[in-house]
PDB file of N, CA and C in Angstrom:
ATOM      1  N   MET A   1     -13.500 -25.464  -9.091  1.00  0.00           N
ATOM      2  CA  MET A   1     -13.441 -24.257 -10.001  1.00  0.00           C
ATOM      3  C   MET A   1     -14.902 -23.545  -9.728  1.00  0.00           C
ATOM      4  N   LEU A   2     -15.855 -24.311  -9.565  1.00  0.00           N
ATOM      5  CA  LEU A   2     -17.169 -23.801  -9.337  1.00  0.00           C
ATOM      6  C   LEU A   2     -17.220 -22.953  -8.041  1.00  0.00           C
ATOM      7  N   ARG A   3     -16.728 -23.321  -7.054  1.00  0.00           N
ATOM      8  CA  ARG A   3     -16.593 -22.534  -5.843  1.00  0.00           C
ATOM      9  C   ARG A   3     -15.891 -21.118  -6.103  1.00  0.00           C
ATOM     10  N   LEU A   4     -14.931 -21.354  -6.888  1.00  0.00           N
ATOM     11  CA  LEU A   4     -14.099 -19.996  -7.353  1.00  0.00           C
ATOM     12  C   LEU A   4     -15.078 -19.145  -8.071  1.00  0.00           C
ATOM     13  N   ALA A   5     -15.794 -19.646  -9.124  1.00  0.00           N
ATOM     14  CA  ALA A   5     -16.622 -18.864  -9.782  1.00  0.00           C
ATOM     15  C   ALA A   5     -17.640 -18.203  -9.098  1.00  0.00           C
ATOM     16  N   GLU A   6     -18.106 -18.918  -8.011  1.00  0.00           N
ATOM     17  CA  GLU A   6     -19.194 -18.454  -7.220  1.00  0.00           C
ATOM     18  C   GLU A   6     -18.639 -17.222  -6.353  1.00  0.00           C
ATOM     19  N   ALA A   7     -17.482 -17.348  -5.900  1.00  0.00           N
ATOM     20  CA  ALA A   7     -16.705 -16.196  -5.392  1.00  0.00           C
ATOM     21  C   ALA A   7     -16.616 -14.996  -6.181  1.00  0.00           C
ATOM     22  N   PHE A   8     -16.096 -15.312  -7.423  1.00  0.00           N
ATOM     23  CA  PHE A   8     -16.133 -14.140  -8.260  1.00  0.00           C
ATOM     24  C   PHE A   8     -17.288 -13.501  -8.476  1.00  0.00           C
ATOM     25  N   GLN A   9     -18.527 -14.143  -8.668  1.00  0.00           N
ATOM     26  CA  GLN A   9     -19.854 -13.638  -8.700  1.00  0.00           C
ATOM     27  C   GLN A   9     -20.196 -12.764  -7.521  1.00  0.00           C
ATOM     28  N   ALA A  10     -19.851 -13.278  -6.304  1.00  0.00           N
ATOM     29  CA  ALA A  10     -19.966 -12.421  -5.065  1.00  0.00           C
ATOM     30  C   ALA A  10     -19.147 -11.166  -5.164  1.00  0.00           C
ATOM     31  N   GLU A  11     -17.992 -11.235  -5.526  1.00  0.00           N
ATOM     32  CA  GLU A  11     -17.096 -10.085  -5.724  1.00  0.00           C
ATOM     33  C   GLU A  11     -17.705  -9.030  -6.592  1.00  0.00           C
ATOM     34  N   LEU A  12     -18.188  -9.454  -7.784  1.00  0.00           N
ATOM     35  CA  LEU A  12     -18.878  -8.633  -8.830  1.00  0.00           C
ATOM     36  C   LEU A  12     -20.053  -7.981  -8.076  1.00  0.00           C
ATOM     37  N   ALA A  13     -20.875  -8.860  -7.490  1.00  0.00           N
ATOM     38  CA  ALA A  13     -22.116  -8.302  -6.814  1.00  0.00           C
ATOM     39  C   ALA A  13     -21.783  -7.218  -5.834  1.00  0.00           C
ATOM     40  N   LEU A  14     -20.699  -7.353  -5.127  1.00  0.00           N
ATOM     41  CA  LEU A  14     -20.207  -6.476  -3.952  1.00  0.00           C
ATOM     42  C   LEU A  14     -19.789  -5.263  -4.767  1.00  0.00           C
ATOM     43  N   ARG A  15     -18.949  -5.285  -5.906  1.00  0.00           N
ATOM     44  CA  ARG A  15     -18.485  -4.018  -6.645  1.00  0.00           C
ATOM     45  C   ARG A  15     -19.671  -3.401  -7.217  1.00  0.00           C
ATOM     46  N   GLN A  16     -20.770  -3.992  -7.477  1.00  0.00           N
ATOM     47  CA  GLN A  16     -21.936  -3.390  -8.199  1.00  0.00           C
ATOM     48  C   GLN A  16     -22.962  -2.982  -7.121  1.00  0.00           C
ATOM     49  N   ALA A  17     -22.664  -2.895  -5.714  1.00  0.00           N
ATOM     50  CA  ALA A  17     -23.369  -2.504  -4.689  1.00  0.00           C
ATOM     51  C   ALA A  17     -24.566  -3.401  -4.380  1.00  0.00           C
ATOM     52  N   ASN A  18     -24.568  -4.597  -4.807  1.00  0.00           N
ATOM     53  CA  ASN A  18     -25.644  -5.577  -4.666  1.00  0.00           C
ATOM     54  C   ASN A  18     -25.219  -6.398  -3.422  1.00  0.00           C
ATOM     55  N   ILE A  19     -25.354  -5.731  -2.315  1.00  0.00           N
ATOM     56  CA  ILE A  19     -24.905  -6.367  -1.055  1.00  0.00           C
ATOM     57  C   ILE A  19     -25.780  -7.680  -0.737  1.00  0.00           C
ATOM     58  N   SER A  20     -27.022  -7.609  -1.062  1.00  0.00           N
ATOM     59  CA  SER A  20     -27.843  -8.749  -0.755  1.00  0.00           C
ATOM     60  C   SER A  20     -27.482 -10.096  -1.397  1.00  0.00           C
ATOM     61  N   GLN A  21     -26.986  -9.957  -2.676  1.00  0.00           N
ATOM     62  CA  GLN A  21     -26.656 -11.068  -3.502  1.00  0.00           C
ATOM     63  C   GLN A  21     -25.260 -11.593  -2.864  1.00  0.00           C
ATOM     64  N   ALA A  22     -24.316 -10.567  -2.628  1.00  0.00           N
ATOM     65  CA  ALA A  22     -22.970 -10.941  -1.915  1.00  0.00           C
ATOM     66  C   ALA A  22     -23.316 -11.562  -0.781  1.00  0.00           C
ATOM     67  N   GLN A  23     -24.278 -11.228   0.080  1.00  0.00           N
ATOM     68  CA  GLN A  23     -24.519 -11.675   1.541  1.00  0.00           C
ATOM     69  C   GLN A  23     -24.965 -13.150   1.302  1.00  0.00           C
ATOM     70  N   LYS A  24     -25.875 -13.593   0.285  1.00  0.00           N
ATOM     71  CA  LYS A  24     -26.369 -14.876   0.039  1.00  0.00           C
ATOM     72  C   LYS A  24     -25.186 -15.765  -0.137  1.00  0.00           C
ATOM     73  N   TRP A  25     -24.122 -15.408  -0.871  1.00  0.00           N
ATOM     74  CA  TRP A  25     -22.908 -16.113  -1.045  1.00  0.00           C
ATOM     75  C   TRP A  25     -22.008 -16.372   0.272  1.00  0.00           C
ATOM     76  N   ALA A  26     -22.135 -15.260   1.011  1.00  0.00           N
ATOM     77  CA  ALA A  26     -21.199 -15.405   2.230  1.00  0.00           C
ATOM     78  C   ALA A  26     -21.923 -16.292   3.207  1.00  0.00           C
ATOM     79  N   ALA A  27     -23.235 -16.237   3.270  1.00  0.00           N
ATOM     80  CA  ALA A  27     -23.901 -17.066   4.315  1.00  0.00           C
ATOM     81  C   ALA A  27     -23.552 -18.630   3.977  1.00  0.00           C
ATOM     82  N   LYS A  28     -23.444 -19.005   2.748  1.00  0.00           N
ATOM     83  CA  LYS A  28     -23.095 -20.456   2.519  1.00  0.00           C
ATOM     84  C   LYS A  28     -21.681 -20.850   2.332  1.00  0.00           C
ATOM     85  N   TYR A  29     -20.907 -19.756   2.165  1.00  0.00           N
ATOM     86  CA  TYR A  29     -19.425 -20.007   1.947  1.00  0.00           C
ATOM     87  C   TYR A  29     -18.712 -20.278   3.113  1.00  0.00           C
ATOM     88  N   ASP A  30     -17.936 -21.652   3.051  1.00  0.00           N
ATOM     89  CA  ASP A  30     -17.031 -21.941   4.165  1.00  0.00           C
ATOM     90  C   ASP A  30     -15.687 -21.578   3.776  1.00  0.00           C
ATOM     91  N   PRO A  31     -14.909 -20.695   4.372  1.00  0.00           N
ATOM     92  CA  PRO A  31     -13.595 -20.121   3.995  1.00  0.00           C
ATOM     93  C   PRO A  31     -12.358 -21.162   4.210  1.00  0.00           C
ATOM     94  N   HIS A  32     -12.706 -22.199   4.848  1.00  0.00           N
ATOM     95  CA  HIS A  32     -11.860 -23.287   5.086  1.00  0.00           C
ATOM     96  C   HIS A  32     -11.779 -24.292   4.137  1.00  0.00           C
ATOM     97  N   PRO A  33     -10.589 -24.977   3.839  1.00  0.00           N
ATOM     98  CA  PRO A  33      -9.284 -24.640   4.190  1.00  0.00           C
ATOM     99  C   PRO A  33      -8.667 -23.391   3.377  1.00  0.00           C
ATOM    100  N   PHE A  34      -7.775 -22.853   4.050  1.00  0.00           N
ATOM    101  CA  PHE A  34      -7.164 -21.633   3.327  1.00  0.00           C
ATOM    102  C   PHE A  34      -6.155 -22.207   2.267  1.00  0.00           C
ATOM    103  N   HIS A  35      -5.968 -21.404   1.182  1.00  0.00           N
ATOM    104  CA  HIS A  35      -5.035 -21.740  -0.055  1.00  0.00           C
ATOM    105  C   HIS A  35      -4.124 -20.425  -0.168  1.00  0.00           C
ATOM    106  N   PRO A  36      -3.114 -20.714  -0.758  1.00  0.00           N
ATOM    107  CA  PRO A  36      -2.062 -19.765  -1.077  1.00  0.00           C
ATOM    108  C   PRO A  36      -2.733 -18.699  -1.842  1.00  0.00           C
ATOM    109  N   GLY A  37      -3.638 -19.040  -2.644  1.00  0.00           N
ATOM    110  CA  GLY A  37      -4.334 -17.997  -3.641  1.00  0.00           C
ATOM    111  C   GLY A  37      -4.204 -18.341  -4.947  1.00  0.00           C
ATOM    112  N   TYR A  38      -5.186 -17.980  -5.871  1.00  0.00           N
ATOM    113  CA  TYR A  38      -5.220 -18.586  -7.162  1.00  0.00           C
ATOM    114  C   TYR A  38      -5.301 -17.230  -8.064  1.00  0.00           C
ATOM    115  N   ARG A  39      -4.160 -17.017  -8.802  1.00  0.00           N
ATOM    116  CA  ARG A  39      -4.029 -16.020  -9.799  1.00  0.00           C
ATOM    117  C   ARG A  39      -4.400 -14.718  -8.973  1.00  0.00           C
ATOM    118  N   PHE A  40      -3.749 -14.364  -8.047  1.00  0.00           N
ATOM    119  CA  PHE A  40      -3.960 -13.102  -7.430  1.00  0.00           C
ATOM    120  C   PHE A  40      -5.404 -12.884  -6.842  1.00  0.00           C
ATOM    121  N   TYR A  41      -6.093 -13.945  -6.641  1.00  0.00           N
ATOM    122  CA  TYR A  41      -7.444 -13.780  -6.116  1.00  0.00           C
ATOM    123  C   TYR A  41      -7.622 -14.762  -4.877  1.00  0.00           C
ATOM    124  N   VAL A  42      -8.251 -14.252  -3.717  1.00  0.00           N
ATOM    125  CA  VAL A  42      -8.533 -14.971  -2.498  1.00  0.00           C
ATOM    126  C   VAL A  42      -9.911 -14.781  -2.248  1.00  0.00           C
ATOM    127  N   PRO A  43     -10.760 -15.868  -2.383  1.00  0.00           N
ATOM    128  CA  PRO A  43     -12.281 -15.787  -1.964  1.00  0.00           C
ATOM    129  C   PRO A  43     -12.322 -15.357  -0.591  1.00  0.00           C
ATOM    130  N   GLN A  44     -11.408 -15.753   0.293  1.00  0.00           N
ATOM    131  CA  GLN A  44     -11.699 -15.250   1.722  1.00  0.00           C
ATOM    132  C   GLN A  44     -11.600 -13.775   1.837  1.00  0.00           C
ATOM    133  N   PHE A  45     -10.848 -13.018   0.953  1.00  0.00           N
ATOM    134  CA  PHE A  45     -10.759 -11.541   0.902  1.00  0.00           C
ATOM    135  C   PHE A  45     -12.235 -11.119   0.602  1.00  0.00           C
ATOM    136  N   THR A  46     -12.895 -11.728  -0.362  1.00  0.00           N
ATOM    137  CA  THR A  46     -14.172 -11.376  -0.655  1.00  0.00           C
ATOM    138  C   THR A  46     -15.162 -11.360   0.542  1.00  0.00           C
ATOM    139  N   LEU A  47     -14.940 -12.592   1.232  1.00  0.00           N
ATOM    140  CA  LEU A  47     -15.876 -12.626   2.394  1.00  0.00           C
ATOM    141  C   LEU A  47     -15.480 -11.552   3.321  1.00  0.00           C
ATOM    142  N   ALA A  48     -14.353 -11.173   3.633  1.00  0.00           N
ATOM    143  CA  ALA A  48     -13.877 -10.101   4.420  1.00  0.00           C
ATOM    144  C   ALA A  48     -14.691  -8.761   4.030  1.00  0.00           C
ATOM    145  N   LYS A  49     -14.477  -8.526   2.672  1.00  0.00           N
ATOM    146  CA  LYS A  49     -15.045  -7.280   2.112  1.00  0.00           C
ATOM    147  C   LYS A  49     -16.712  -7.305   2.483  1.00  0.00           C
ATOM    148  N   ILE A  50     -17.229  -8.404   2.263  1.00  0.00           N
ATOM    149  CA  ILE A  50     -18.767  -8.417   2.513  1.00  0.00           C
ATOM    150  C   ILE A  50     -18.977  -8.221   4.089  1.00  0.00           C
ATOM    151  N   TYR A  51     -18.191  -8.733   4.820  1.00  0.00           N
ATOM    152  CA  TYR A  51     -18.312  -8.581   6.426  1.00  0.00           C
ATOM    153  C   TYR A  51     -18.170  -6.835   6.615  1.00  0.00           C
ATOM    154  N   LEU A  52     -17.090  -6.435   6.222  1.00  0.00           N
ATOM    155  CA  LEU A  52     -16.767  -5.035   6.357  1.00  0.00           C
ATOM    156  C   LEU A  52     -17.894  -4.123   5.742  1.00  0.00           C
ATOM    157  N   ALA A  53     -18.493  -4.513   4.667  1.00  0.00           N
ATOM    158  CA  ALA A  53     -19.628  -3.724   3.878  1.00  0.00           C
ATOM    159  C   ALA A  53     -20.921  -3.795   4.841  1.00  0.00           C
ATOM    160  N   GLN A  54     -21.062  -4.810   5.476  1.00  0.00           N
ATOM    161  CA  GLN A  54     -22.291  -4.940   6.452  1.00  0.00           C
ATOM    162  C   GLN A  54     -22.215  -4.062   7.669  1.00  0.00           C
ATOM    163  N   ASN A  55     -21.036  -3.795   8.144  1.00  0.00           N
ATOM    164  CA  ASN A  55     -20.693  -2.894   9.184  1.00  0.00           C
ATOM    165  C   ASN A  55     -21.790  -2.853  10.386  1.00  0.00           C
ATOM    166  N   ASN A  56     -21.818  -4.083  10.897  1.00  0.00           N
ATOM    167  CA  ASN A  56     -22.585  -4.304  12.119  1.00  0.00           C
ATOM    168  C   ASN A  56     -21.744  -5.005  13.160  1.00  0.00           C
ATOM    169  N   PRO A  57     -21.937  -4.922  14.458  1.00  0.00           N
ATOM    170  CA  PRO A  57     -21.020  -5.628  15.342  1.00  0.00           C
ATOM    171  C   PRO A  57     -20.805  -7.094  14.964  1.00  0.00           C
ATOM    172  N   GLU A  58     -21.856  -7.850  14.671  1.00  0.00           N
ATOM    173  CA  GLU A  58     -21.544  -9.190  14.332  1.00  0.00           C
ATOM    174  C   GLU A  58     -20.819  -9.468  13.058  1.00  0.00           C
ATOM    175  N   SER A  59     -20.976  -8.674  12.029  1.00  0.00           N
ATOM    176  CA  SER A  59     -20.139  -8.828  10.757  1.00  0.00           C
ATOM    177  C   SER A  59     -18.689  -8.532  11.142  1.00  0.00           C
ATOM    178  N   LEU A  60     -18.572  -7.343  11.893  1.00  0.00           N
ATOM    179  CA  LEU A  60     -17.196  -6.865  12.225  1.00  0.00           C
ATOM    180  C   LEU A  60     -16.450  -7.949  13.101  1.00  0.00           C
ATOM    181  N   ARG A  61     -17.085  -8.674  13.903  1.00  0.00           N
ATOM    182  CA  ARG A  61     -16.550  -9.670  14.635  1.00  0.00           C
ATOM    183  C   ARG A  61     -16.065 -10.865  13.724  1.00  0.00           C
ATOM    184  N   LYS A  62     -16.974 -11.007  12.854  1.00  0.00           N
ATOM    185  CA  LYS A  62     -16.600 -12.207  11.916  1.00  0.00           C
ATOM    186  C   LYS A  62     -15.541 -11.796  11.035  1.00  0.00           C
ATOM    187  N   ALA A  63     -15.389 -10.515  10.671  1.00  0.00           N
ATOM    188  CA  ALA A  63     -14.279 -10.080   9.877  1.00  0.00           C
ATOM    189  C   ALA A  63     -12.961 -10.171  10.614  1.00  0.00           C
ATOM    190  N   SER A  64     -13.090  -9.905  11.982  1.00  0.00           N
ATOM    191  CA  SER A  64     -12.014  -9.782  12.780  1.00  0.00           C
ATOM    192  C   SER A  64     -11.330 -11.262  13.011  1.00  0.00           C
ATOM    193  N   ASP A  65     -12.299 -12.203  13.148  1.00  0.00           N
ATOM    194  CA  ASP A  65     -11.936 -13.567  13.271  1.00  0.00           C
ATOM    195  C   ASP A  65     -11.138 -14.014  12.226  1.00  0.00           C
ATOM    196  N   LEU A  66     -12.019 -13.915  10.888  1.00  0.00           N
ATOM    197  CA  LEU A  66     -11.392 -14.237   9.797  1.00  0.00           C
ATOM    198  C   LEU A  66     -10.010 -13.678   9.202  1.00  0.00           C
ATOM    199  N   LEU A  67     -10.031 -12.497   9.515  1.00  0.00           N
ATOM    200  CA  LEU A  67      -8.718 -11.693   9.241  1.00  0.00           C
ATOM    201  C   LEU A  67      -7.574 -12.077  10.113  1.00  0.00           C
ATOM    202  N   SER A  68      -7.855 -12.458  11.454  1.00  0.00           N
ATOM    203  CA  SER A  68      -6.939 -12.990  12.203  1.00  0.00           C
ATOM    204  C   SER A  68      -6.271 -14.302  11.798  1.00  0.00           C
ATOM    205  N   LYS A  69      -7.175 -15.198  11.502  1.00  0.00           N
ATOM    206  CA  LYS A  69      -6.694 -16.504  10.862  1.00  0.00           C
ATOM    207  C   LYS A  69      -5.953 -16.464   9.628  1.00  0.00           C
ATOM    208  N   LEU A  70      -6.458 -15.578   8.766  1.00  0.00           N
ATOM    209  CA  LEU A  70      -5.789 -15.291   7.513  1.00  0.00           C
ATOM    210  C   LEU A  70      -4.287 -14.654   7.691  1.00  0.00           C
ATOM    211  N   HIS A  71      -4.236 -13.894   8.784  1.00  0.00           N
ATOM    212  CA  HIS A  71      -2.972 -13.258   9.096  1.00  0.00           C
ATOM    213  C   HIS A  71      -2.078 -14.271   9.640  1.00  0.00           C
ATOM    214  N   GLU A  72      -2.441 -15.183  10.450  1.00  0.00           N
ATOM    215  CA  GLU A  72      -1.650 -16.342  10.906  1.00  0.00           C
ATOM    216  C   GLU A  72      -1.165 -17.088   9.794  1.00  0.00           C
ATOM    217  N   TYR A  73      -2.071 -17.494   8.927  1.00  0.00           N
ATOM    218  CA  TYR A  73      -1.871 -18.345   7.711  1.00  0.00           C
ATOM    219  C   TYR A  73      -0.724 -17.831   6.750  1.00  0.00           C
ATOM    220  N   TYR A  74      -1.024 -16.565   6.338  1.00  0.00           N
ATOM    221  CA  TYR A  74      -0.112 -16.012   5.346  1.00  0.00           C
ATOM    222  C   TYR A  74       1.261 -15.833   5.983  1.00  0.00           C
ATOM    223  N   ASN A  75       1.283 -15.298   7.150  1.00  0.00           N
ATOM    224  CA  ASN A  75       2.485 -15.299   7.964  1.00  0.00           C
ATOM    225  C   ASN A  75       3.268 -16.691   7.965  1.00  0.00           C
ATOM    226  N   ALA A  76       2.596 -17.586   8.282  1.00  0.00           N
ATOM    227  CA  ALA A  76       3.309 -19.070   8.470  1.00  0.00           C
ATOM    228  C   ALA A  76       3.755 -19.339   7.297  1.00  0.00           C
ATOM    229  N   ILE A  77       3.140 -19.262   5.993  1.00  0.00           N
ATOM    230  CA  ILE A  77       3.677 -19.542   4.829  1.00  0.00           C
ATOM    231  C   ILE A  77       4.648 -18.618   4.135  1.00  0.00           C
ATOM    232  N   HIS A  78       4.748 -17.511   4.784  1.00  0.00           N
ATOM    233  CA  HIS A  78       5.697 -16.455   4.211  1.00  0.00           C
ATOM    234  C   HIS A  78       5.229 -15.894   2.919  1.00  0.00           C
ATOM    235  N   ASN A  79       3.944 -15.665   2.838  1.00  0.00           N
ATOM    236  CA  ASN A  79       3.471 -15.105   1.722  1.00  0.00           C
ATOM    237  C   ASN A  79       3.110 -13.570   1.832  1.00  0.00           C
ATOM    238  N   THR A  80       4.059 -12.753   1.683  1.00  0.00           N
ATOM    239  CA  THR A  80       4.122 -11.260   2.036  1.00  0.00           C
ATOM    240  C   THR A  80       3.070 -10.525   1.242  1.00  0.00           C
ATOM    241  N   ARG A  81       2.894 -11.031  -0.062  1.00  0.00           N
ATOM    242  CA  ARG A  81       1.901 -10.286  -0.981  1.00  0.00           C
ATOM    243  C   ARG A  81       0.446 -10.312  -0.289  1.00  0.00           C
ATOM    244  N   TYR A  82       0.067 -11.491   0.129  1.00  0.00           N
ATOM    245  CA  TYR A  82      -1.208 -11.515   0.779  1.00  0.00           C
ATOM    246  C   TYR A  82      -1.279 -11.107   2.258  1.00  0.00           C
ATOM    247  N   LEU A  83      -0.251 -11.079   2.846  1.00  0.00           N
ATOM    248  CA  LEU A  83      -0.134 -10.692   4.312  1.00  0.00           C
ATOM    249  C   LEU A  83      -0.288  -9.118   4.169  1.00  0.00           C
ATOM    250  N   ILE A  84       0.236  -8.422   3.254  1.00  0.00           N
ATOM    251  CA  ILE A  84      -0.045  -6.985   3.124  1.00  0.00           C
ATOM    252  C   ILE A  84      -1.620  -6.630   2.863  1.00  0.00           C
ATOM    253  N   ASP A  85      -2.206  -7.528   2.163  1.00  0.00           N
ATOM    254  CA  ASP A  85      -3.641  -7.211   1.942  1.00  0.00           C
ATOM    255  C   ASP A  85      -4.336  -7.477   3.072  1.00  0.00           C
ATOM    256  N   VAL A  86      -3.941  -8.523   3.901  1.00  0.00           N
ATOM    257  CA  VAL A  86      -4.802  -8.796   5.223  1.00  0.00           C
ATOM    258  C   VAL A  86      -4.527  -7.612   6.091  1.00  0.00           C
ATOM    259  N   LEU A  87      -3.341  -7.207   6.226  1.00  0.00           N
ATOM    260  CA  LEU A  87      -3.124  -5.925   7.107  1.00  0.00           C
ATOM    261  C   LEU A  87      -3.974  -4.854   6.702  1.00  0.00           C
ATOM    262  N   ASN A  88      -4.008  -4.626   5.401  1.00  0.00           N
ATOM    263  CA  ASN A  88      -4.983  -3.454   4.885  1.00  0.00           C
ATOM    264  C   ASN A  88      -6.473  -3.684   5.278  1.00  0.00           C
ATOM    265  N   PHE A  89      -6.864  -4.847   5.155  1.00  0.00           N
ATOM    266  CA  PHE A  89      -8.196  -5.213   5.738  1.00  0.00           C
ATOM    267  C   PHE A  89      -8.345  -4.884   7.255  1.00  0.00           C
ATOM    268  N   GLN A  90      -7.255  -5.368   7.957  1.00  0.00           N
ATOM    269  CA  GLN A  90      -7.461  -5.170   9.212  1.00  0.00           C
ATOM    270  C   GLN A  90      -7.452  -3.582   9.686  1.00  0.00           C
ATOM    271  N   ALA A  91      -6.707  -2.791   8.777  1.00  0.00           N
ATOM    272  CA  ALA A  91      -6.735  -1.366   9.142  1.00  0.00           C
ATOM    273  C   ALA A  91      -8.244  -0.768   8.748  1.00  0.00           C
ATOM    274  N   LEU A  92      -8.875  -1.339   7.781  1.00  0.00           N
ATOM    275  CA  LEU A  92     -10.266  -0.947   7.456  1.00  0.00           C
ATOM    276  C   LEU A  92     -11.088  -1.415   8.529  1.00  0.00           C
ATOM    277  N   LEU A  93     -10.987  -2.565   9.170  1.00  0.00           N
ATOM    278  CA  LEU A  93     -11.681  -3.003  10.238  1.00  0.00           C
ATOM    279  C   LEU A  93     -11.601  -2.217  11.435  1.00  0.00           C
ATOM    280  N   ASN A  94     -10.268  -1.818  11.817  1.00  0.00           N
ATOM    281  CA  ASN A  94      -9.993  -0.875  12.916  1.00  0.00           C
ATOM    282  C   ASN A  94     -10.643   0.376  12.777  1.00  0.00           C
ATOM    283  N   LYS A  95     -10.610   0.966  11.496  1.00  0.00           N
ATOM    284  CA  LYS A  95     -11.247   2.211  11.154  1.00  0.00           C
ATOM    285  C   LYS A  95     -12.920   2.073  11.310  1.00  0.00           C
ATOM    286  N   ALA A  96     -13.348   1.025  10.861  1.00  0.00           N
ATOM    287  CA  ALA A  96     -14.827   0.923  11.055  1.00  0.00           C
ATOM    288  C   ALA A  96     -15.232   0.687  12.412  1.00  0.00           C
ATOM    289  N   ARG A  97     -14.337   0.283  13.372  1.00  0.00           N
ATOM    290  CA  ARG A  97     -14.661   0.232  14.825  1.00  0.00           C
ATOM    291  C   ARG A  97     -14.181   1.590  15.524  1.00  0.00           C
ATOM    292  N   GLY A  98     -13.844   2.479  14.763  1.00  0.00           N
ATOM    293  CA  GLY A  98     -13.441   3.735  15.406  1.00  0.00           C
ATOM    294  C   GLY A  98     -12.118   3.867  16.020  1.00  0.00           C
ATOM    295  N   ASN A  99     -11.203   2.974  15.655  1.00  0.00           N
ATOM    296  CA  ASN A  99      -9.929   2.854  16.249  1.00  0.00           C
ATOM    297  C   ASN A  99      -8.836   3.283  15.401  1.00  0.00           C
ATOM    298  N   GLU A 100      -8.806   4.677  14.916  1.00  0.00           N
ATOM    299  CA  GLU A 100      -7.850   5.158  14.011  1.00  0.00           C
ATOM    300  C   GLU A 100      -6.389   4.931  14.255  1.00  0.00           C
ATOM    301  N   PRO A 101      -5.871   4.983  15.506  1.00  0.00           N
ATOM    302  CA  PRO A 101      -4.586   4.770  15.803  1.00  0.00           C
ATOM    303  C   PRO A 101      -4.161   3.147  15.459  1.00  0.00           C
ATOM    304  N   SER A 102      -5.003   2.386  15.763  1.00  0.00           N
ATOM    305  CA  SER A 102      -4.656   0.953  15.452  1.00  0.00           C
ATOM    306  C   SER A 102      -4.802   0.769  13.856  1.00  0.00           C
ATOM    307  N   ALA A 103      -5.652   1.491  13.143  1.00  0.00           N
ATOM    308  CA  ALA A 103      -5.697   1.546  11.762  1.00  0.00           C
ATOM    309  C   ALA A 103      -4.451   1.930  11.078  1.00  0.00           C
ATOM    310  N   PHE A 104      -3.879   3.138  11.682  1.00  0.00           N
ATOM    311  CA  PHE A 104      -2.675   3.632  11.038  1.00  0.00           C
ATOM    312  C   PHE A 104      -1.477   2.688  11.347  1.00  0.00           C
ATOM    313  N   ALA A 105      -1.346   1.968  12.471  1.00  0.00           N
ATOM    314  CA  ALA A 105      -0.491   1.014  12.790  1.00  0.00           C
ATOM    315  C   ALA A 105      -0.423  -0.086  11.878  1.00  0.00           C
ATOM    316  N   LYS A 106      -1.641  -0.580  11.478  1.00  0.00           N
ATOM    317  CA  LYS A 106      -1.753  -1.746  10.506  1.00  0.00           C
ATOM    318  C   LYS A 106      -1.225  -1.289   9.186  1.00  0.00           C
ATOM    319  N   ILE A 107      -1.581   0.068   8.712  1.00  0.00           N
ATOM    320  CA  ILE A 107      -1.195   0.544   7.399  1.00  0.00           C
ATOM    321  C   ILE A 107       0.505   0.624   7.479  1.00  0.00           C
ATOM    322  N   ALA A 108       0.933   1.039   8.583  1.00  0.00           N
ATOM    323  CA  ALA A 108       2.340   1.218   8.749  1.00  0.00           C
ATOM    324  C   ALA A 108       3.058  -0.135   8.505  1.00  0.00           C
ATOM    325  N   GLU A 109       2.504  -1.112   9.253  1.00  0.00           N
ATOM    326  CA  GLU A 109       3.175  -2.519   9.128  1.00  0.00           C
ATOM    327  C   GLU A 109       2.979  -3.096   7.709  1.00  0.00           C
ATOM    328  N   ALA A 110       1.919  -2.646   7.027  1.00  0.00           N
ATOM    329  CA  ALA A 110       1.754  -3.107   5.640  1.00  0.00           C
ATOM    330  C   ALA A 110       2.782  -2.430   4.742  1.00  0.00           C
ATOM    331  N   LEU A 111       2.950  -1.085   4.992  1.00  0.00           N
ATOM    332  CA  LEU A 111       4.025  -0.523   4.210  1.00  0.00           C
ATOM    333  C   LEU A 111       5.318  -0.867   4.390  1.00  0.00           C
ATOM    334  N   ALA A 112       5.808  -1.291   5.629  1.00  0.00           N
ATOM    335  CA  ALA A 112       7.142  -1.816   6.000  1.00  0.00           C
ATOM    336  C   ALA A 112       7.215  -3.133   5.259  1.00  0.00           C
ATOM    337  N   LEU A 113       6.325  -4.031   5.271  1.00  0.00           N
ATOM    338  CA  LEU A 113       6.359  -5.176   4.378  1.00  0.00           C
ATOM    339  C   LEU A 113       6.428  -4.919   2.832  1.00  0.00           C
ATOM    340  N   ALA A 114       5.973  -3.938   2.379  1.00  0.00           N
ATOM    341  CA  ALA A 114       5.837  -3.692   0.891  1.00  0.00           C
ATOM    342  C   ALA A 114       7.116  -2.779   0.431  1.00  0.00           C
ATOM    343  N   GLU A 115       7.627  -2.275   1.461  1.00  0.00           N
ATOM    344  CA  GLU A 115       8.877  -1.414   1.079  1.00  0.00           C
ATOM    345  C   GLU A 115       9.792  -2.054   0.156  1.00  0.00           C
ATOM    346  N   PRO A 116      10.195  -3.287   0.568  1.00  0.00           N
ATOM    347  CA  PRO A 116      11.319  -4.069  -0.334  1.00  0.00           C
ATOM    348  C   PRO A 116      10.875  -4.181  -1.690  1.00  0.00           C
TER     349      PRO A 116
END
């Protein structure tokens, strides 16, 4: 539970625009192993948000790697709810990289999953 509480603190720091505090958590956080999620909260999503907020080539690469692994994981366990979130983060990543057509494709994929 301590790791989860620390992740919540990083999420709060990020929402309060305290990127440096969130980055400190991100630097020491190991996102593995993946878990199905705890009460609609996934610490790995906070890590992805921090990488996206940093918006530099290295952080975007890390975000891409993490999101690809999360996509595989949630697809493998058929967790559509979190897979939709991953696709939305991938859309934000593609937009940050300047690839809007790919971003729209990810949003379309997320919407198709969310439609039912």
